[in-house]
């Protein structure tokens, strides 16, 4: 912390991002929060990656159906979309 404080006194810019710091008296190091934020972001990305790959093919079909002319959707396609939405709803509940 002392070296960061000295760096800010010598040059009023953040040593990492080069942001101009007006008043160094109001700065407090919070390394733990940065670490927790990073871990939370990683968990979120892992969870999103798993969800994207587990249902990826089925959701691609769903998106393809929505991208086509919706007047030409038949009952089988509508039932497929409803089934996928019900499954997703159960996952989220």
C-alpha atoms as a PDB file:
ATOM      1  CA  UNK A   1       0.000   0.000   0.000  1.00  0.00           C
ATOM      2  CA  UNK A   2       2.840   2.389   0.795  1.00  0.00           C
ATOM      3  CA  UNK A   3       4.347   2.112  -2.670  1.00  0.00           C
ATOM      4  CA  UNK A   4       0.972   2.827  -4.298  1.00  0.00           C
ATOM      5  CA  UNK A   5       0.465   5.804  -2.017  1.00  0.00           C
ATOM      6  CA  UNK A   6       3.947   7.133  -2.870  1.00  0.00           C
ATOM      7  CA  UNK A   7       3.302   6.656  -6.571  1.00  0.00           C
ATOM      8  CA  UNK A   8       0.070   8.636  -6.317  1.00  0.00           C
ATOM      9  CA  UNK A   9       1.825  11.424  -4.452  1.00  0.00           C
ATOM     10  CA  UNK A  10       4.534  11.636  -7.122  1.00  0.00           C
ATOM     11  CA  UNK A  11       2.151  11.332 -10.029  1.00  0.00           C
ATOM     12  CA  UNK A  12      -1.585  11.844  -9.556  1.00  0.00           C
ATOM     13  CA  UNK A  13      -2.413   8.896 -11.821  1.00  0.00           C
ATOM     14  CA  UNK A  14      -3.293   5.348 -10.945  1.00  0.00           C
ATOM     15  CA  UNK A  15      -0.249   3.119 -11.553  1.00  0.00           C
ATOM     16  CA  UNK A  16      -2.460   0.396 -13.006  1.00  0.00           C
ATOM     17  CA  UNK A  17      -5.049   2.138 -15.203  1.00  0.00           C
ATOM     18  CA  UNK A  18      -3.550   5.650 -15.501  1.00  0.00           C
ATOM     19  CA  UNK A  19      -6.777   7.248 -14.201  1.00  0.00           C
ATOM     20  CA  UNK A  20      -6.270  10.755 -12.792  1.00  0.00           C
ATOM     21  CA  UNK A  21      -6.724  10.719  -9.012  1.00  0.00           C
ATOM     22  CA  UNK A  22      -7.642  14.105  -7.575  1.00  0.00           C
ATOM     23  CA  UNK A  23      -7.370  13.398  -3.868  1.00  0.00           C
ATOM     24  CA  UNK A  24      -5.393  10.443  -2.525  1.00  0.00           C
ATOM     25  CA  UNK A  25      -6.592  11.000   1.046  1.00  0.00           C
ATOM     26  CA  UNK A  26      -9.918   9.355   0.212  1.00  0.00           C
ATOM     27  CA  UNK A  27      -8.403   6.205  -1.253  1.00  0.00           C
ATOM     28  CA  UNK A  28      -8.256   2.968   0.668  1.00  0.00           C
ATOM     29  CA  UNK A  29      -6.881  -0.312  -0.620  1.00  0.00           C
ATOM     30  CA  UNK A  30      -9.444  -3.044  -0.861  1.00  0.00           C
ATOM     31  CA  UNK A  31      -7.692  -6.026  -2.346  1.00  0.00           C
ATOM     32  CA  UNK A  32     -10.178  -8.497  -0.898  1.00  0.00           C
ATOM     33  CA  UNK A  33     -13.123  -6.912  -2.706  1.00  0.00           C
ATOM     34  CA  UNK A  34     -11.246  -7.034  -6.011  1.00  0.00           C
ATOM     35  CA  UNK A  35     -10.512 -10.712  -5.463  1.00  0.00           C
ATOM     36  CA  UNK A  36     -14.141 -11.470  -4.579  1.00  0.00           C
ATOM     37  CA  UNK A  37     -15.390  -9.624  -7.652  1.00  0.00           C
ATOM     38  CA  UNK A  38     -13.023 -11.580  -9.865  1.00  0.00           C
ATOM     39  CA  UNK A  39     -14.146 -14.907  -8.359  1.00  0.00           C
ATOM     40  CA  UNK A  40     -17.820 -13.976  -8.794  1.00  0.00           C
ATOM     41  CA  UNK A  41     -17.245 -13.037 -12.439  1.00  0.00           C
ATOM     42  CA  UNK A  42     -15.497 -16.356 -13.040  1.00  0.00           C
ATOM     43  CA  UNK A  43     -18.358 -18.316 -11.445  1.00  0.00           C
ATOM     44  CA  UNK A  44     -20.888 -16.419 -13.519  1.00  0.00           C
ATOM     45  CA  UNK A  45     -18.962 -17.097 -16.738  1.00  0.00           C
ATOM     46  CA  UNK A  46     -18.599 -20.804 -15.897  1.00  0.00           C
ATOM     47  CA  UNK A  47     -22.307 -21.107 -15.156  1.00  0.00           C
ATOM     48  CA  UNK A  48     -23.239 -19.284 -18.356  1.00  0.00           C
ATOM     49  CA  UNK A  49     -20.834 -21.462 -20.356  1.00  0.00           C
ATOM     50  CA  UNK A  50     -22.393 -24.654 -18.956  1.00  0.00           C
ATOM     51  CA  UNK A  51     -25.928 -23.463 -19.697  1.00  0.00           C
ATOM     52  CA  UNK A  52     -25.017 -22.370 -23.200  1.00  0.00           C
ATOM     53  CA  UNK A  53     -23.449 -25.724 -24.055  1.00  0.00           C
ATOM     54  CA  UNK A  54     -25.987 -27.984 -22.356  1.00  0.00           C
ATOM     55  CA  UNK A  55     -28.928 -26.601 -24.309  1.00  0.00           C
ATOM     56  CA  UNK A  56     -27.023 -24.937 -27.114  1.00  0.00           C
ATOM     57  CA  UNK A  57     -28.327 -27.054 -29.987  1.00  0.00           C
ATOM     58  CA  UNK A  58     -31.945 -26.945 -28.850  1.00  0.00           C
ATOM     59  CA  UNK A  59     -31.816 -23.191 -28.272  1.00  0.00           C
ATOM     60  CA  UNK A  60     -30.272 -22.706 -31.704  1.00  0.00           C
ATOM     61  CA  UNK A  61     -33.268 -24.501 -33.213  1.00  0.00           C
ATOM     62  CA  UNK A  62     -35.546 -22.227 -31.204  1.00  0.00           C
ATOM     63  CA  UNK A  63     -33.749 -19.121 -32.442  1.00  0.00           C
ATOM     64  CA  UNK A  64     -33.825 -20.389 -36.017  1.00  0.00           C
ATOM     65  CA  UNK A  65     -37.574 -20.903 -35.792  1.00  0.00           C
ATOM     66  CA  UNK A  66     -38.091 -17.394 -34.476  1.00  0.00           C
ATOM     67  CA  UNK A  67     -35.904 -15.996 -37.229  1.00  0.00           C
ATOM     68  CA  UNK A  68     -38.062 -17.491 -39.982  1.00  0.00           C
ATOM     69  CA  UNK A  69     -41.392 -16.216 -41.195  1.00  0.00           C
ATOM     70  CA  UNK A  70     -43.597 -16.864 -38.178  1.00  0.00           C
ATOM     71  CA  UNK A  71     -46.726 -17.281 -40.283  1.00  0.00           C
ATOM     72  CA  UNK A  72     -45.247 -20.527 -41.602  1.00  0.00           C
ATOM     73  CA  UNK A  73     -44.698 -22.102 -38.157  1.00  0.00           C
ATOM     74  CA  UNK A  74     -46.611 -25.330 -37.811  1.00  0.00           C
ATOM     75  CA  UNK A  75     -48.035 -26.861 -34.638  1.00  0.00           C
ATOM     76  CA  UNK A  76     -45.017 -29.146 -34.145  1.00  0.00           C
ATOM     77  CA  UNK A  77     -42.653 -26.169 -34.110  1.00  0.00           C
ATOM     78  CA  UNK A  78     -44.836 -24.244 -31.682  1.00  0.00           C
ATOM     79  CA  UNK A  79     -45.025 -27.288 -29.387  1.00  0.00           C
ATOM     80  CA  UNK A  80     -41.235 -27.627 -29.498  1.00  0.00           C
ATOM     81  CA  UNK A  81     -40.820 -23.986 -28.510  1.00  0.00           C
ATOM     82  CA  UNK A  82     -43.316 -24.362 -25.674  1.00  0.00           C
ATOM     83  CA  UNK A  83     -41.529 -27.465 -24.396  1.00  0.00           C
ATOM     84  CA  UNK A  84     -38.173 -25.670 -24.381  1.00  0.00           C
ATOM     85  CA  UNK A  85     -39.639 -22.684 -22.564  1.00  0.00           C
ATOM     86  CA  UNK A  86     -41.268 -24.887 -19.918  1.00  0.00           C
ATOM     87  CA  UNK A  87     -37.957 -26.697 -19.338  1.00  0.00           C
ATOM     88  CA  UNK A  88     -36.128 -23.396 -18.993  1.00  0.00           C
ATOM     89  CA  UNK A  89     -38.772 -22.084 -16.593  1.00  0.00           C
ATOM     90  CA  UNK A  90     -38.382 -25.167 -14.375  1.00  0.00           C
ATOM     91  CA  UNK A  91     -34.602 -24.690 -14.362  1.00  0.00           C
ATOM     92  CA  UNK A  92     -34.973 -21.100 -13.228  1.00  0.00           C
ATOM     93  CA  UNK A  93     -37.493 -21.853 -10.466  1.00  0.00           C
END
